Structure formats: C-alpha cells, structure tokens
C-alpha cells in the first residue's frame, strides 16, 4: 500500500499479514530471490554481489527499525512478537 518506499520512511505501522511473523518480509523475499538467482548462475562475482546486496538489506532494515521505533512507540512491543528475519 502506501507504506512502500525506496528510502527509509515511517508512514504506517503494519502488523498484519506476513508482518505478524517477520518484521521485514519484503527484504527477506528480495534476499531469497537474489540468493536463488546467484546460486542458479553461480560465479565468484555473483557471490560477491549477493553478499553486498544482503549486507545493504540488513543495514537498511536496521535503519528502518530505528526510525519506526522513534515514530511509533508501539513498534518495540511488536518487535517482541515477531522475528527480525528468521
């Protein structure tokens, strides 16, 4: 919905759907897809690109969590009931 953004934003606190179990299902799906493609077309270069991509996604998810915690005090409670990624 309106919560999707390229940059780190805090527009709405979503706790329904897959967000009940995992706080970053979109990032998790992107990393799983990238890993599948990297394994399918394996090369050292693709391995390095995958590692960089995962590192950026993990960093971005931390930035997003910090912002959500500042804007929505209830986010800390939600974090106790869902996993970061797995």
PDB file of N, CA and C in Angstrom:
ATOM      1  N   UNK A   1       0.814  -1.185   0.000  1.00  0.00           N
ATOM      2  CA  UNK A   1       0.000   0.000   0.000  1.00  0.00           C
ATOM      3  C   UNK A   1       0.861   1.252   0.000  1.00  0.00           C
ATOM      4  N   UNK A   2       0.472   2.203   0.810  1.00  0.00           N
ATOM      5  CA  UNK A   2       1.183   3.483   0.883  1.00  0.00           C
ATOM      6  C   UNK A   2       2.483   3.381   1.645  1.00  0.00           C
ATOM      7  N   UNK A   3       2.728   2.249   2.318  1.00  0.00           N
ATOM      8  CA  UNK A   3       3.915   2.136   3.156  1.00  0.00           C
ATOM      9  C   UNK A   3       5.177   1.798   2.370  1.00  0.00           C
ATOM     10  N   UNK A   4       5.062   1.424   1.108  1.00  0.00           N
ATOM     11  CA  UNK A   4       6.247   1.076   0.316  1.00  0.00           C
ATOM     12  C   UNK A   4       7.025   2.329  -0.038  1.00  0.00           C
ATOM     13  N   UNK A   5       8.362   2.237   0.096  1.00  0.00           N
ATOM     14  CA  UNK A   5       9.222   3.373  -0.231  1.00  0.00           C
ATOM     15  C   UNK A   5      10.625   2.876  -0.540  1.00  0.00           C
ATOM     16  N   UNK A   6      11.322   3.587  -1.382  1.00  0.00           N
ATOM     17  CA  UNK A   6      12.720   3.265  -1.674  1.00  0.00           C
ATOM     18  C   UNK A   6      13.600   3.716  -0.513  1.00  0.00           C
ATOM     19  N   UNK A   7      13.327   4.885   0.011  1.00  0.00           N
ATOM     20  CA  UNK A   7      14.086   5.396   1.155  1.00  0.00           C
ATOM     21  C   UNK A   7      13.431   4.925   2.452  1.00  0.00           C
ATOM     22  N   UNK A   8      14.141   5.043   3.546  1.00  0.00           N
ATOM     23  CA  UNK A   8      13.604   4.627   4.846  1.00  0.00           C
ATOM     24  C   UNK A   8      12.571   5.646   5.299  1.00  0.00           C
ATOM     25  N   UNK A   9      11.337   5.204   5.407  1.00  0.00           N
ATOM     26  CA  UNK A   9      10.219   6.060   5.811  1.00  0.00           C
ATOM     27  C   UNK A   9       9.433   5.372   6.919  1.00  0.00           C
ATOM     28  N   UNK A  10       8.673   6.138   7.674  1.00  0.00           N
ATOM     29  CA  UNK A  10       7.789   5.604   8.709  1.00  0.00           C
ATOM     30  C   UNK A  10       6.406   6.207   8.499  1.00  0.00           C
ATOM     31  N   UNK A  11       5.664   5.639   7.578  1.00  0.00           N
ATOM     32  CA  UNK A  11       4.343   6.177   7.240  1.00  0.00           C
ATOM     33  C   UNK A  11       3.227   5.521   8.040  1.00  0.00           C
ATOM     34  N   UNK A  12       3.342   4.210   8.234  1.00  0.00           N
ATOM     35  CA  UNK A  12       2.306   3.472   8.961  1.00  0.00           C
ATOM     36  C   UNK A  12       2.944   2.249   9.594  1.00  0.00           C
ATOM     37  N   UNK A  13       2.399   1.852  10.723  1.00  0.00           N
ATOM     38  CA  UNK A  13       2.883   0.657  11.403  1.00  0.00           C
ATOM     39  C   UNK A  13       2.026  -0.514  10.954  1.00  0.00           C
ATOM     40  N   UNK A  14       2.610  -1.448  10.233  1.00  0.00           N
ATOM     41  CA  UNK A  14       1.884  -2.590   9.695  1.00  0.00           C
ATOM     42  C   UNK A  14       2.216  -3.816  10.541  1.00  0.00           C
ATOM     43  N   UNK A  15       1.177  -4.493  11.027  1.00  0.00           N
ATOM     44  CA  UNK A  15       1.391  -5.691  11.843  1.00  0.00           C
ATOM     45  C   UNK A  15       0.507  -6.847  11.391  1.00  0.00           C
ATOM     46  N   UNK A  16      -0.092  -6.738  10.217  1.00  0.00           N
ATOM     47  CA  UNK A  16      -0.944  -7.792   9.670  1.00  0.00           C
ATOM     48  C   UNK A  16      -0.193  -8.541   8.581  1.00  0.00           C
ATOM     49  N   UNK A  17      -0.795  -9.625   8.122  1.00  0.00           N
ATOM     50  CA  UNK A  17      -0.209 -10.416   7.044  1.00  0.00           C
ATOM     51  C   UNK A  17       1.117 -11.019   7.478  1.00  0.00           C
ATOM     52  N   UNK A  18       2.085 -11.072   6.585  1.00  0.00           N
ATOM     53  CA  UNK A  18       3.371 -11.687   6.934  1.00  0.00           C
ATOM     54  C   UNK A  18       4.147 -10.916   8.000  1.00  0.00           C
ATOM     55  N   UNK A  19       3.757  -9.652   8.216  1.00  0.00           N
ATOM     56  CA  UNK A  19       4.426  -8.841   9.239  1.00  0.00           C
ATOM     57  C   UNK A  19       4.122  -9.346  10.653  1.00  0.00           C
ATOM     58  N   UNK A  20       3.142 -10.234  10.791  1.00  0.00           N
ATOM     59  CA  UNK A  20       2.869 -10.844  12.097  1.00  0.00           C
ATOM     60  C   UNK A  20       4.029 -11.716  12.543  1.00  0.00           C
ATOM     61  N   UNK A  21       4.719 -12.325  11.586  1.00  0.00           N
ATOM     62  CA  UNK A  21       5.779 -13.284  11.913  1.00  0.00           C
ATOM     63  C   UNK A  21       7.181 -12.733  11.681  1.00  0.00           C
ATOM     64  N   UNK A  22       7.342 -11.929  10.627  1.00  0.00           N
ATOM     65  CA  UNK A  22       8.659 -11.411  10.241  1.00  0.00           C
ATOM     66  C   UNK A  22       8.531  -9.901  10.045  1.00  0.00           C
ATOM     67  N   UNK A  23       9.442  -9.142  10.635  1.00  0.00           N
ATOM     68  CA  UNK A  23       9.332  -7.683  10.547  1.00  0.00           C
ATOM     69  C   UNK A  23       9.712  -7.131   9.181  1.00  0.00           C
ATOM     70  N   UNK A  24      10.441  -7.889   8.382  1.00  0.00           N
ATOM     71  CA  UNK A  24      10.885  -7.400   7.071  1.00  0.00           C
ATOM     72  C   UNK A  24      10.653  -8.451   5.976  1.00  0.00           C
ATOM     73  N   UNK A  25       9.393  -8.813   5.721  1.00  0.00           N
ATOM     74  CA  UNK A  25       9.140  -9.855   4.718  1.00  0.00           C
ATOM     75  C   UNK A  25       9.554  -9.460   3.300  1.00  0.00           C
ATOM     76  N   UNK A  26       9.467  -8.180   2.974  1.00  0.00           N
ATOM     77  CA  UNK A  26       9.864  -7.745   1.627  1.00  0.00           C
ATOM     78  C   UNK A  26      11.366  -7.923   1.447  1.00  0.00           C
ATOM     79  N   UNK A  27      12.143  -7.466   2.414  1.00  0.00           N
ATOM     80  CA  UNK A  27      13.600  -7.631   2.331  1.00  0.00           C
ATOM     81  C   UNK A  27      13.969  -9.114   2.302  1.00  0.00           C
ATOM     82  N   UNK A  28      13.303  -9.911   3.138  1.00  0.00           N
ATOM     83  CA  UNK A  28      13.580 -11.345   3.174  1.00  0.00           C
ATOM     84  C   UNK A  28      13.303 -11.984   1.817  1.00  0.00           C
ATOM     85  N   UNK A  29      12.178 -11.607   1.209  1.00  0.00           N
ATOM     86  CA  UNK A  29      11.854 -12.137  -0.122  1.00  0.00           C
ATOM     87  C   UNK A  29      12.855 -11.713  -1.174  1.00  0.00           C
ATOM     88  N   UNK A  30      13.294 -10.455  -1.108  1.00  0.00           N
ATOM     89  CA  UNK A  30      14.298  -9.976  -2.069  1.00  0.00           C
ATOM     90  C   UNK A  30      15.620 -10.732  -1.895  1.00  0.00           C
ATOM     91  N   UNK A  31      16.021 -10.945  -0.645  1.00  0.00           N
ATOM     92  CA  UNK A  31      17.283 -11.662  -0.410  1.00  0.00           C
ATOM     93  C   UNK A  31      17.182 -13.118  -0.846  1.00  0.00           C
ATOM     94  N   UNK A  32      16.042 -13.753  -0.601  1.00  0.00           N
ATOM     95  CA  UNK A  32      15.856 -15.143  -1.035  1.00  0.00           C
ATOM     96  C   UNK A  32      15.887 -15.248  -2.554  1.00  0.00           C
ATOM     97  N   UNK A  33      15.245 -14.306  -3.225  1.00  0.00           N
ATOM     98  CA  UNK A  33      15.246 -14.302  -4.687  1.00  0.00           C
ATOM     99  C   UNK A  33      16.657 -14.077  -5.231  1.00  0.00           C
ATOM    100  N   UNK A  34      17.363 -13.117  -4.658  1.00  0.00           N
ATOM    101  CA  UNK A  34      18.735 -12.845  -5.099  1.00  0.00           C
ATOM    102  C   UNK A  34      19.628 -14.059  -4.861  1.00  0.00           C
ATOM    103  N   UNK A  35      19.445 -14.733  -3.732  1.00  0.00           N
ATOM    104  CA  UNK A  35      20.250 -15.922  -3.442  1.00  0.00           C
ATOM    105  C   UNK A  35      19.955 -17.036  -4.445  1.00  0.00           C
ATOM    106  N   UNK A  36      18.683 -17.214  -4.790  1.00  0.00           N
ATOM    107  CA  UNK A  36      18.316 -18.245  -5.764  1.00  0.00           C
ATOM    108  C   UNK A  36      18.945 -17.959  -7.126  1.00  0.00           C
ATOM    109  N   UNK A  37      18.897 -16.708  -7.551  1.00  0.00           N
ATOM    110  CA  UNK A  37      19.489 -16.338  -8.838  1.00  0.00           C
ATOM    111  C   UNK A  37      21.006 -16.509  -8.797  1.00  0.00           C
ATOM    112  N   UNK A  38      21.630 -16.098  -7.688  1.00  0.00           N
ATOM    113  CA  UNK A  38      23.091 -16.225  -7.569  1.00  0.00           C
ATOM    114  C   UNK A  38      23.513 -17.696  -7.588  1.00  0.00           C
ATOM    115  N   UNK A  39      22.733 -18.551  -6.926  1.00  0.00           N
ATOM    116  CA  UNK A  39      23.064 -19.984  -6.937  1.00  0.00           C
ATOM    117  C   UNK A  39      22.826 -20.597  -8.315  1.00  0.00           C
ATOM    118  N   UNK A  40      21.764 -20.157  -8.969  1.00  0.00           N
ATOM    119  CA  UNK A  40      21.446 -20.671 -10.299  1.00  0.00           C
ATOM    120  C   UNK A  40      22.526 -20.284 -11.305  1.00  0.00           C
ATOM    121  N   UNK A  41      23.022 -19.063 -11.213  1.00  0.00           N
ATOM    122  CA  UNK A  41      24.054 -18.555 -12.125  1.00  0.00           C
ATOM    123  C   UNK A  41      25.339 -18.301 -11.347  1.00  0.00           C
ATOM    124  N   UNK A  42      25.799 -19.327 -10.630  1.00  0.00           N
ATOM    125  CA  UNK A  42      26.915 -19.139  -9.706  1.00  0.00           C
ATOM    126  C   UNK A  42      28.201 -18.713 -10.409  1.00  0.00           C
ATOM    127  N   UNK A  43      28.850 -17.733  -9.805  1.00  0.00           N
ATOM    128  CA  UNK A  43      30.200 -17.309 -10.155  1.00  0.00           C
ATOM    129  C   UNK A  43      30.730 -16.560  -8.939  1.00  0.00           C
ATOM    130  N   UNK A  44      32.036 -16.437  -8.812  1.00  0.00           N
ATOM    131  CA  UNK A  44      32.575 -15.656  -7.685  1.00  0.00           C
ATOM    132  C   UNK A  44      32.040 -14.227  -7.671  1.00  0.00           C
ATOM    133  N   UNK A  45      31.900 -13.629  -8.828  1.00  0.00           N
ATOM    134  CA  UNK A  45      31.372 -12.265  -8.900  1.00  0.00           C
ATOM    135  C   UNK A  45      29.950 -12.201  -8.374  1.00  0.00           C
ATOM    136  N   UNK A  46      29.119 -13.165  -8.757  1.00  0.00           N
ATOM    137  CA  UNK A  46      27.745 -13.181  -8.269  1.00  0.00           C
ATOM    138  C   UNK A  46      27.693 -13.431  -6.767  1.00  0.00           C
ATOM    139  N   UNK A  47      28.628 -14.210  -6.248  1.00  0.00           N
ATOM    140  CA  UNK A  47      28.709 -14.424  -4.806  1.00  0.00           C
ATOM    141  C   UNK A  47      29.028 -13.135  -4.068  1.00  0.00           C
ATOM    142  N   UNK A  48      29.958 -12.363  -4.607  1.00  0.00           N
ATOM    143  CA  UNK A  48      30.309 -11.075  -4.001  1.00  0.00           C
ATOM    144  C   UNK A  48      29.125 -10.109  -4.088  1.00  0.00           C
ATOM    145  N   UNK A  49      28.467 -10.063  -5.241  1.00  0.00           N
ATOM    146  CA  UNK A  49      27.303  -9.184  -5.399  1.00  0.00           C
ATOM    147  C   UNK A  49      26.184  -9.570  -4.437  1.00  0.00           C
ATOM    148  N   UNK A  50      25.974 -10.866  -4.259  1.00  0.00           N
ATOM    149  CA  UNK A  50      24.959 -11.326  -3.319  1.00  0.00           C
ATOM    150  C   UNK A  50      25.311 -10.897  -1.895  1.00  0.00           C
ATOM    151  N   UNK A  51      26.554 -11.082  -1.509  1.00  0.00           N
ATOM    152  CA  UNK A  51      26.981 -10.691  -0.162  1.00  0.00           C
ATOM    153  C   UNK A  51      26.786  -9.193   0.062  1.00  0.00           C
ATOM    154  N   UNK A  52      27.128  -8.384  -0.920  1.00  0.00           N
ATOM    155  CA  UNK A  52      26.931  -6.938  -0.811  1.00  0.00           C
ATOM    156  C   UNK A  52      25.448  -6.579  -0.719  1.00  0.00           C
ATOM    157  N   UNK A  53      24.643  -7.226  -1.537  1.00  0.00           N
ATOM    158  CA  UNK A  53      23.209  -6.968  -1.533  1.00  0.00           C
ATOM    159  C   UNK A  53      22.593  -7.307  -0.183  1.00  0.00           C
ATOM    160  N   UNK A  54      22.952  -8.477   0.362  1.00  0.00           N
ATOM    161  CA  UNK A  54      22.419  -8.885   1.665  1.00  0.00           C
ATOM    162  C   UNK A  54      22.879  -7.921   2.751  1.00  0.00           C
ATOM    163  N   UNK A  55      24.140  -7.507   2.710  1.00  0.00           N
ATOM    164  CA  UNK A  55      24.652  -6.561   3.706  1.00  0.00           C
ATOM    165  C   UNK A  55      23.881  -5.246   3.659  1.00  0.00           C
ATOM    166  N   UNK A  56      23.608  -4.742   2.469  1.00  0.00           N
ATOM    167  CA  UNK A  56      22.865  -3.490   2.328  1.00  0.00           C
ATOM    168  C   UNK A  56      21.435  -3.659   2.842  1.00  0.00           C
ATOM    169  N   UNK A  57      20.802  -4.782   2.536  1.00  0.00           N
ATOM    170  CA  UNK A  57      19.433  -5.011   3.007  1.00  0.00           C
ATOM    171  C   UNK A  57      19.378  -5.107   4.532  1.00  0.00           C
ATOM    172  N   UNK A  58      20.345  -5.777   5.138  1.00  0.00           N
ATOM    173  CA  UNK A  58      20.382  -5.890   6.594  1.00  0.00           C
ATOM    174  C   UNK A  58      20.606  -4.524   7.236  1.00  0.00           C
ATOM    175  N   UNK A  59      21.489  -3.741   6.658  1.00  0.00           N
ATOM    176  CA  UNK A  59      21.743  -2.389   7.165  1.00  0.00           C
ATOM    177  C   UNK A  59      20.497  -1.520   7.024  1.00  0.00           C
ATOM    178  N   UNK A  60      19.875  -1.595   5.885  1.00  0.00           N
ATOM    179  CA  UNK A  60      18.667  -0.808   5.642  1.00  0.00           C
ATOM    180  C   UNK A  60      17.553  -1.202   6.613  1.00  0.00           C
ATOM    181  N   UNK A  61      17.442  -2.490   6.907  1.00  0.00           N
ATOM    182  CA  UNK A  61      16.401  -2.926   7.838  1.00  0.00           C
ATOM    183  C   UNK A  61      16.654  -2.380   9.240  1.00  0.00           C
ATOM    184  N   UNK A  62      17.906  -2.281   9.647  1.00  0.00           N
ATOM    185  CA  UNK A  62      18.231  -1.689  10.952  1.00  0.00           C
ATOM    186  C   UNK A  62      17.873  -0.200  10.983  1.00  0.00           C
ATOM    187  N   UNK A  63      18.188   0.513   9.907  1.00  0.00           N
ATOM    188  CA  UNK A  63      17.822   1.935   9.827  1.00  0.00           C
ATOM    189  C   UNK A  63      16.306   2.106   9.927  1.00  0.00           C
ATOM    190  N   UNK A  64      15.602   1.231   9.226  1.00  0.00           N
ATOM    191  CA  UNK A  64      14.148   1.300   9.228  1.00  0.00           C
ATOM    192  C   UNK A  64      13.603   1.026  10.631  1.00  0.00           C
ATOM    193  N   UNK A  65      14.157   0.043  11.313  1.00  0.00           N
ATOM    194  CA  UNK A  65      13.701  -0.265  12.662  1.00  0.00           C
ATOM    195  C   UNK A  65      13.952   0.896  13.613  1.00  0.00           C
ATOM    196  N   UNK A  66      15.093   1.542  13.493  1.00  0.00           N
ATOM    197  CA  UNK A  66      15.383   2.702  14.346  1.00  0.00           C
ATOM    198  C   UNK A  66      14.366   3.816  14.120  1.00  0.00           C
ATOM    199  N   UNK A  67      14.046   4.064  12.865  1.00  0.00           N
ATOM    200  CA  UNK A  67      13.089   5.123  12.553  1.00  0.00           C
ATOM    201  C   UNK A  67      11.686   4.755  13.033  1.00  0.00           C
ATOM    202  N   UNK A  68      11.270   3.519  12.803  1.00  0.00           N
ATOM    203  CA  UNK A  68       9.949   3.086  13.256  1.00  0.00           C
ATOM    204  C   UNK A  68       9.828   3.179  14.778  1.00  0.00           C
ATOM    205  N   UNK A  69      10.891   2.823  15.499  1.00  0.00           N
ATOM    206  CA  UNK A  69      10.864   2.901  16.962  1.00  0.00           C
ATOM    207  C   UNK A  69      10.754   4.341  17.441  1.00  0.00           C
ATOM    208  N   UNK A  70      11.365   5.278  16.722  1.00  0.00           N
ATOM    209  CA  UNK A  70      11.264   6.693  17.092  1.00  0.00           C
ATOM    210  C   UNK A  70       9.865   7.244  16.839  1.00  0.00           C
ATOM    211  N   UNK A  71       9.285   6.875  15.707  1.00  0.00           N
ATOM    212  CA  UNK A  71       7.995   7.434  15.299  1.00  0.00           C
ATOM    213  C   UNK A  71       6.814   6.724  15.973  1.00  0.00           C
ATOM    214  N   UNK A  72       6.915   5.409  16.140  1.00  0.00           N
ATOM    215  CA  UNK A  72       5.822   4.610  16.703  1.00  0.00           C
ATOM    216  C   UNK A  72       6.305   3.895  17.961  1.00  0.00           C
ATOM    217  N   UNK A  73       5.983   4.410  19.142  1.00  0.00           N
ATOM    218  CA  UNK A  73       6.410   3.740  20.376  1.00  0.00           C
ATOM    219  C   UNK A  73       5.926   2.279  20.461  1.00  0.00           C
ATOM    220  N   UNK A  74       4.799   1.969  19.853  1.00  0.00           N
ATOM    221  CA  UNK A  74       4.269   0.598  19.876  1.00  0.00           C
ATOM    222  C   UNK A  74       5.132  -0.370  19.077  1.00  0.00           C
ATOM    223  N   UNK A  75       6.048   0.132  18.276  1.00  0.00           N
ATOM    224  CA  UNK A  75       6.881  -0.752  17.457  1.00  0.00           C
ATOM    225  C   UNK A  75       7.731  -1.681  18.317  1.00  0.00           C
ATOM    226  N   UNK A  76       8.208  -1.204  19.452  1.00  0.00           N
ATOM    227  CA  UNK A  76       9.023  -2.049  20.347  1.00  0.00           C
ATOM    228  C   UNK A  76       8.214  -3.252  20.844  1.00  0.00           C
ATOM    229  N   UNK A  77       6.939  -3.038  21.107  1.00  0.00           N
ATOM    230  CA  UNK A  77       6.074  -4.140  21.536  1.00  0.00           C
ATOM    231  C   UNK A  77       5.917  -5.138  20.389  1.00  0.00           C
ATOM    232  N   UNK A  78       5.706  -4.640  19.191  1.00  0.00           N
ATOM    233  CA  UNK A  78       5.581  -5.505  18.018  1.00  0.00           C
ATOM    234  C   UNK A  78       6.850  -6.336  17.818  1.00  0.00           C
ATOM    235  N   UNK A  79       8.003  -5.746  18.079  1.00  0.00           N
ATOM    236  CA  UNK A  79       9.271  -6.450  17.907  1.00  0.00           C
ATOM    237  C   UNK A  79       9.375  -7.660  18.822  1.00  0.00           C
ATOM    238  N   UNK A  80       8.717  -7.605  19.971  1.00  0.00           N
ATOM    239  CA  UNK A  80       8.773  -8.751  20.900  1.00  0.00           C
ATOM    240  C   UNK A  80       7.979  -9.939  20.389  1.00  0.00           C
ATOM    241  N   UNK A  81       7.060  -9.697  19.432  1.00  0.00           N
ATOM    242  CA  UNK A  81       6.174 -10.753  18.957  1.00  0.00           C
ATOM    243  C   UNK A  81       6.460 -11.207  17.534  1.00  0.00           C
ATOM    244  N   UNK A  82       7.482 -10.646  16.927  1.00  0.00           N
ATOM    245  CA  UNK A  82       7.844 -11.065  15.572  1.00  0.00           C
ATOM    246  C   UNK A  82       9.371 -11.162  15.472  1.00  0.00           C
ATOM    247  N   UNK A  83       9.814 -11.920  14.499  1.00  0.00           N
ATOM    248  CA  UNK A  83      11.250 -12.094  14.286  1.00  0.00           C
ATOM    249  C   UNK A  83      11.786 -11.034  13.344  1.00  0.00           C
ATOM    250  N   UNK A  84      13.082 -10.759  13.489  1.00  0.00           N
ATOM    251  CA  UNK A  84      13.711  -9.776  12.605  1.00  0.00           C
ATOM    252  C   UNK A  84      13.674 -10.292  11.173  1.00  0.00           C
ATOM    253  N   UNK A  85      14.237 -11.451  10.929  1.00  0.00           N
ATOM    254  CA  UNK A  85      14.170 -12.088   9.609  1.00  0.00           C
ATOM    255  C   UNK A  85      13.802 -13.556   9.698  1.00  0.00           C
ATOM    256  N   UNK A  86      14.450 -14.304  10.567  1.00  0.00           N
ATOM    257  CA  UNK A  86      14.186 -15.742  10.635  1.00  0.00           C
ATOM    258  C   UNK A  86      14.259 -16.227  12.049  1.00  0.00           C
TER     259      UNK A  86
END
